[in-house]
Amino acid sequence: MEWQSAVNQWRSIVLTLWQRGITHLACCDLCSVTVSDNMKASGNAKQLLVCSICLDELPIFNCKAIQGDLLHWPAIDKGLPQRHFARLLSLAPYTPPFDTWLKQLKYQGRFELAPFFAELLFKQWQIANEVHPYEQVDLVISVPVHIRKWQTRGYNQAHLIACQFAKKLQVPYQSDLIKRVKQVDSQVGKTGAERRKALRNNFILNNGNTAKLKHVALVDDVVTTGSTASEISKLLLSLGVHTVTLVTVCISLPTIKKCP
């Protein structure tokens, strides 16, 4: 039944990709205007997912207002009380259009969204670095999924974003440094304490040596309670890593509905 579900999911993904290739070629994902000429005129011909007008109107966090670190925002600091990562960089709250995009990447195979997110995250990183310079990053990694989930879905959306982000930073990326050793039930709706209990001792060092790593950038699609990222960060720190920076597309906290 599990493999049949995977086959059906991939059939749906292929159909979605084919339909999008026919009907949405070079159109803004948000307003449907033809993108190519619009973006070339704005000097951003590489980015054809949204037009320049919609790009400027995306609800992206103002890094300068929070000194380059979202943990300086009291609502986020309070919402992520037990954490082992030192710094947090994110694009936006988990609201439209980012919530829709993340679901499309995760469940519908919209792989073109991964480099789009990576490009926006890199620009956000540059802005944050100007305000509060980062220590040189030695390695980029992504939050791993359990092997069974990977087999069912066929990919890890965090990996797709992270490898593109690492290219932008021009630092190494390793997909298999950390391994998730057990599959847990969906954590949607669980409290932070419940998530932390379910994820305790759920990650191990899988392949590689962390002795020379001072600063690791950990990439995920969305942070909700921070439990997963914190558990991985705790492991990395115990293995000798000095600093972990969490990099996510979105933050999903009840108190975070708009940008500063």
Protein backbone atom coordinates (compact mmCIF):
# COMPACT_ATOMS: atom_id res chain seq x y z
CA MET A 1 0.00 0.00 0.00
CA GLU A 2 2.88 2.35 0.79
CA TRP A 3 4.47 1.87 -2.64
CA GLN A 4 1.10 2.22 -4.36
CA SER A 5 0.66 5.54 -2.58
CA ALA A 6 4.09 6.63 -3.81
CA VAL A 7 3.25 5.67 -7.40
CA ASN A 8 -0.01 7.61 -7.25
CA GLN A 9 1.76 10.63 -5.81
CA TRP A 10 4.39 10.61 -8.56
CA ARG A 11 1.70 10.21 -11.22
CA SER A 12 0.02 13.33 -9.81
CA ILE A 13 3.33 15.21 -9.78
CA VAL A 14 4.11 14.38 -13.41
CA LEU A 15 0.63 15.46 -14.50
CA THR A 16 0.95 18.71 -12.56
CA LEU A 17 4.34 19.48 -14.12
CA TRP A 18 3.04 18.77 -17.62
CA GLN A 19 -0.03 20.96 -17.14
CA ARG A 20 2.05 23.79 -15.72
CA GLY A 21 4.51 23.59 -18.59
CA ILE A 22 1.66 24.02 -21.05
CA THR A 23 -0.37 26.71 -19.31
CA HIS A 24 1.99 28.75 -17.15
CA LEU A 25 5.16 29.11 -19.21
CA ALA A 26 6.88 32.46 -18.42
CA CYS A 27 3.90 33.81 -16.47
CA CYS A 28 4.04 35.36 -13.00
CA ASP A 29 2.96 32.81 -10.43
CA LEU A 30 0.88 35.43 -8.60
CA CYS A 31 -0.61 37.79 -11.17
CA SER A 32 -0.16 35.77 -14.42
CA VAL A 33 1.48 38.64 -16.30
CA THR A 34 4.17 37.61 -18.80
CA VAL A 35 7.35 37.59 -16.76
CA SER A 36 10.30 37.46 -19.15
CA ASP A 37 10.21 41.00 -20.53
CA ASN A 38 9.22 42.42 -17.17
CA MET A 39 12.13 40.80 -15.34
CA LYS A 40 14.67 41.59 -18.06
CA ALA A 41 13.69 45.24 -17.81
CA SER A 42 14.29 45.12 -14.05
CA GLY A 43 17.72 43.55 -14.51
CA ASN A 44 16.71 40.19 -13.00
CA ALA A 45 16.30 38.02 -16.08
CA LYS A 46 17.32 34.85 -14.18
CA GLN A 47 14.26 34.92 -11.96
CA LEU A 48 11.12 34.12 -13.94
CA LEU A 49 8.81 32.77 -11.25
CA VAL A 50 7.24 36.08 -10.31
CA CYS A 51 7.22 39.52 -11.91
CA SER A 52 9.22 42.39 -10.44
CA ILE A 53 6.11 44.05 -9.00
CA CYS A 54 4.95 40.93 -7.15
CA LEU A 55 8.53 40.23 -6.06
CA ASP A 56 8.71 43.64 -4.37
CA GLU A 57 5.39 43.01 -2.61
CA LEU A 58 6.31 39.65 -1.05
CA PRO A 59 5.88 39.75 2.78
CA ILE A 60 9.58 39.27 3.52
CA PHE A 61 11.03 40.00 6.95
CA ASN A 62 12.97 43.26 7.29
CA CYS A 63 16.39 42.05 8.43
CA LYS A 64 17.59 45.55 9.22
CA ALA A 65 14.72 46.13 11.66
CA ILE A 66 15.75 43.08 13.70
CA GLN A 67 19.54 43.54 13.56
CA GLY A 68 19.99 40.66 11.14
CA ASP A 69 18.66 37.97 13.48
CA LEU A 70 15.01 36.99 13.93
CA LEU A 71 15.77 35.83 17.47
CA HIS A 72 16.01 39.53 18.35
CA TRP A 73 12.26 39.80 17.70
CA PRO A 74 10.63 39.28 21.14
CA ALA A 75 7.66 37.31 19.75
CA ILE A 76 9.98 34.82 18.04
CA ASP A 77 12.40 34.67 20.96
CA LYS A 78 9.46 33.81 23.24
CA GLY A 79 7.99 31.35 20.73
CA LEU A 80 11.24 29.36 20.48
CA PRO A 81 12.23 29.09 24.17
CA GLN A 82 14.30 25.88 24.19
CA ARG A 83 16.72 26.11 21.30
CA HIS A 84 20.31 25.18 20.59
CA PHE A 85 20.83 27.15 17.38
CA ALA A 86 22.44 30.55 17.85
CA ARG A 87 20.85 32.54 15.06
CA LEU A 88 17.75 32.41 12.85
CA LEU A 89 17.34 33.61 9.28
CA SER A 90 13.99 33.26 7.54
CA LEU A 91 12.15 34.78 4.61
CA ALA A 92 8.60 35.29 5.82
CA PRO A 93 5.76 34.21 8.10
CA TYR A 94 3.91 31.06 7.06
CA THR A 95 1.27 33.06 5.20
CA PRO A 96 0.32 33.48 1.51
CA PRO A 97 1.93 33.07 -0.91
CA PHE A 98 4.74 31.24 0.90
CA ASP A 99 2.52 28.71 2.64
CA THR A 100 1.01 27.71 -0.70
CA TRP A 101 4.41 27.53 -2.38
CA LEU A 102 5.86 25.33 0.36
CA LYS A 103 2.97 22.88 0.09
CA GLN A 104 3.42 22.80 -3.70
CA LEU A 105 7.13 22.04 -3.35
CA LYS A 106 6.58 19.43 -0.64
CA TYR A 107 3.59 17.57 -2.06
CA GLN A 108 3.25 18.49 -5.74
CA GLY A 109 6.84 18.42 -6.96
CA ARG A 110 7.17 22.09 -7.88
CA PHE A 111 10.95 21.77 -7.97
CA GLU A 112 11.47 25.19 -9.57
CA LEU A 113 10.53 26.70 -6.21
CA ALA A 114 13.73 25.38 -4.57
CA PRO A 115 16.17 27.64 -6.47
CA PHE A 116 13.68 30.50 -6.10
CA PHE A 117 13.69 30.12 -2.32
CA ALA A 118 17.48 29.73 -2.30
CA GLU A 119 17.91 32.96 -4.25
CA LEU A 120 15.66 34.87 -1.85
CA LEU A 121 17.39 33.33 1.18
CA PHE A 122 20.80 34.28 -0.18
CA LYS A 123 19.69 37.90 -0.62
CA GLN A 124 18.27 37.85 2.91
CA TRP A 125 21.58 36.43 4.16
CA GLN A 126 23.52 39.22 2.48
CA ILE A 127 21.32 41.88 4.09
CA ALA A 128 21.61 40.24 7.52
CA ASN A 129 25.38 39.94 7.08
CA GLU A 130 25.65 43.68 6.47
CA VAL A 131 23.81 44.44 9.71
CA HIS A 132 25.34 41.71 11.86
CA PRO A 133 28.22 39.88 10.11
CA TYR A 134 28.16 36.09 10.16
CA GLU A 135 31.09 33.93 11.12
CA GLN A 136 32.37 32.14 8.01
CA VAL A 137 30.14 29.15 7.26
CA ASP A 138 32.05 25.87 6.93
CA LEU A 139 29.19 23.63 5.83
CA VAL A 140 25.52 23.74 4.83
CA ILE A 141 23.28 20.81 5.76
CA SER A 142 19.54 20.17 5.57
CA VAL A 143 17.08 18.67 8.04
CA PRO A 144 16.92 14.98 7.01
CA VAL A 145 13.76 12.97 6.50
CA HIS A 146 13.43 9.33 7.49
CA ILE A 147 14.30 6.85 4.74
CA ARG A 148 10.71 5.59 4.55
CA LYS A 149 9.34 9.07 4.01
CA TRP A 150 12.02 9.70 1.39
CA GLN A 151 11.06 6.49 -0.42
CA THR A 152 7.38 7.45 -0.37
CA ARG A 153 7.76 11.09 -1.39
CA GLY A 154 10.82 10.58 -3.56
CA TYR A 155 12.71 13.64 -2.33
CA ASN A 156 13.44 15.89 0.64
CA GLN A 157 12.31 19.47 0.02
CA ALA A 158 14.79 20.85 2.57
CA HIS A 159 17.63 19.17 0.66
CA LEU A 160 16.50 20.76 -2.62
CA ILE A 161 16.59 24.22 -1.05
CA ALA A 162 19.80 23.67 0.91
CA CYS A 163 21.95 22.48 -1.98
CA GLN A 164 20.97 25.53 -4.04
CA PHE A 165 21.56 27.84 -1.06
CA ALA A 166 25.04 26.37 -0.52
CA LYS A 167 25.90 27.10 -4.14
CA LYS A 168 24.92 30.72 -3.59
CA LEU A 169 27.08 30.92 -0.47
CA GLN A 170 29.89 29.09 -2.28
CA VAL A 171 30.42 26.69 0.63
CA PRO A 172 30.24 22.87 0.75
CA TYR A 173 26.93 21.09 1.18
CA GLN A 174 26.54 17.63 2.70
CA SER A 175 23.20 15.86 2.57
CA ASP A 176 24.10 12.84 4.70
CA LEU A 177 26.00 14.29 7.66
CA ILE A 178 23.04 13.72 9.98
CA LYS A 179 20.63 10.78 9.86
CA ARG A 180 17.09 10.52 11.25
CA VAL A 181 16.96 7.10 12.92
CA LYS A 182 13.24 6.68 13.53
CA GLN A 183 10.08 7.79 11.82
CA VAL A 184 7.64 9.68 14.01
CA ASP A 185 3.98 10.43 13.47
CA SER A 186 2.98 13.77 11.98
CA GLN A 187 3.87 16.57 14.39
CA VAL A 188 1.16 18.91 13.13
CA GLY A 189 -0.83 20.20 16.08
CA LYS A 190 1.66 18.91 18.67
CA THR A 191 2.98 21.20 21.39
CA GLY A 192 6.66 22.04 21.66
CA ALA A 193 7.05 19.68 24.62
CA GLU A 194 5.36 16.85 22.72
CA ARG A 195 7.58 17.42 19.69
CA ARG A 196 10.73 17.53 21.78
CA LYS A 197 9.81 14.23 23.45
CA ALA A 198 9.09 12.55 20.09
CA LEU A 199 12.34 13.80 18.55
CA ARG A 200 14.66 13.09 21.47
CA ASN A 201 17.67 11.03 20.34
CA ASN A 202 16.18 10.81 16.85
CA PHE A 203 19.31 12.03 15.03
CA ILE A 204 22.83 10.64 14.79
CA LEU A 205 26.06 11.50 13.01
CA ASN A 206 25.88 9.44 9.84
CA ASN A 207 28.79 10.24 7.58
CA GLY A 208 31.64 12.66 8.14
CA ASN A 209 33.81 14.39 10.71
CA THR A 210 32.63 17.50 12.54
CA ALA A 211 35.91 18.18 14.36
CA LYS A 212 36.93 21.03 12.05
CA LEU A 213 33.47 22.56 11.68
CA LYS A 214 33.02 25.85 13.50
CA HIS A 215 29.87 27.20 11.86
CA VAL A 216 27.13 25.10 10.26
CA ALA A 217 24.08 26.48 8.44
CA LEU A 218 21.10 24.18 8.96
CA VAL A 219 18.37 24.56 6.31
CA ASP A 220 14.69 23.61 6.60
CA ASP A 221 11.50 24.65 4.85
CA VAL A 222 9.59 25.90 7.90
CA VAL A 223 10.19 26.21 11.64
CA THR A 224 7.18 25.73 13.92
CA THR A 225 8.35 24.96 17.45
CA GLY A 226 12.04 24.70 16.58
CA SER A 227 12.19 21.23 18.15
CA THR A 228 13.67 19.44 15.13
CA ALA A 229 16.27 22.11 14.42
CA SER A 230 17.15 22.36 18.09
CA GLU A 231 17.64 18.59 18.45
CA ILE A 232 19.98 18.56 15.43
CA SER A 233 21.81 21.65 16.69
CA LYS A 234 22.24 20.04 20.10
CA LEU A 235 23.82 17.00 18.45
CA LEU A 236 26.15 19.14 16.33
CA LEU A 237 27.29 21.15 19.35
CA SER A 238 28.00 17.93 21.26
CA LEU A 239 30.18 16.83 18.34
CA GLY A 240 32.33 19.95 18.49
CA VAL A 241 30.58 22.42 16.18
CA HIS A 242 30.80 25.93 17.65
CA THR A 243 27.76 27.62 16.11
CA VAL A 244 24.61 26.57 14.26
CA THR A 245 22.55 29.06 12.26
CA LEU A 246 19.04 27.96 11.32
CA VAL A 247 17.94 29.02 7.83
CA THR A 248 14.29 28.51 6.86
CA VAL A 249 11.88 29.72 4.23
CA CYS A 250 9.10 30.39 6.75
CA ILE A 251 8.28 30.71 10.42
CA SER A 252 4.97 29.29 11.59
CA LEU A 253 4.20 30.73 15.01
CA PRO A 254 0.75 31.84 16.22
CA THR A 255 2.10 35.27 17.16
CA ILE A 256 3.88 35.85 13.83
CA LYS A 257 1.35 36.91 11.22
CA LYS A 258 3.08 39.91 9.70
CA CYS A 259 6.58 41.20 9.09
CA PRO A 260 8.33 43.75 11.28
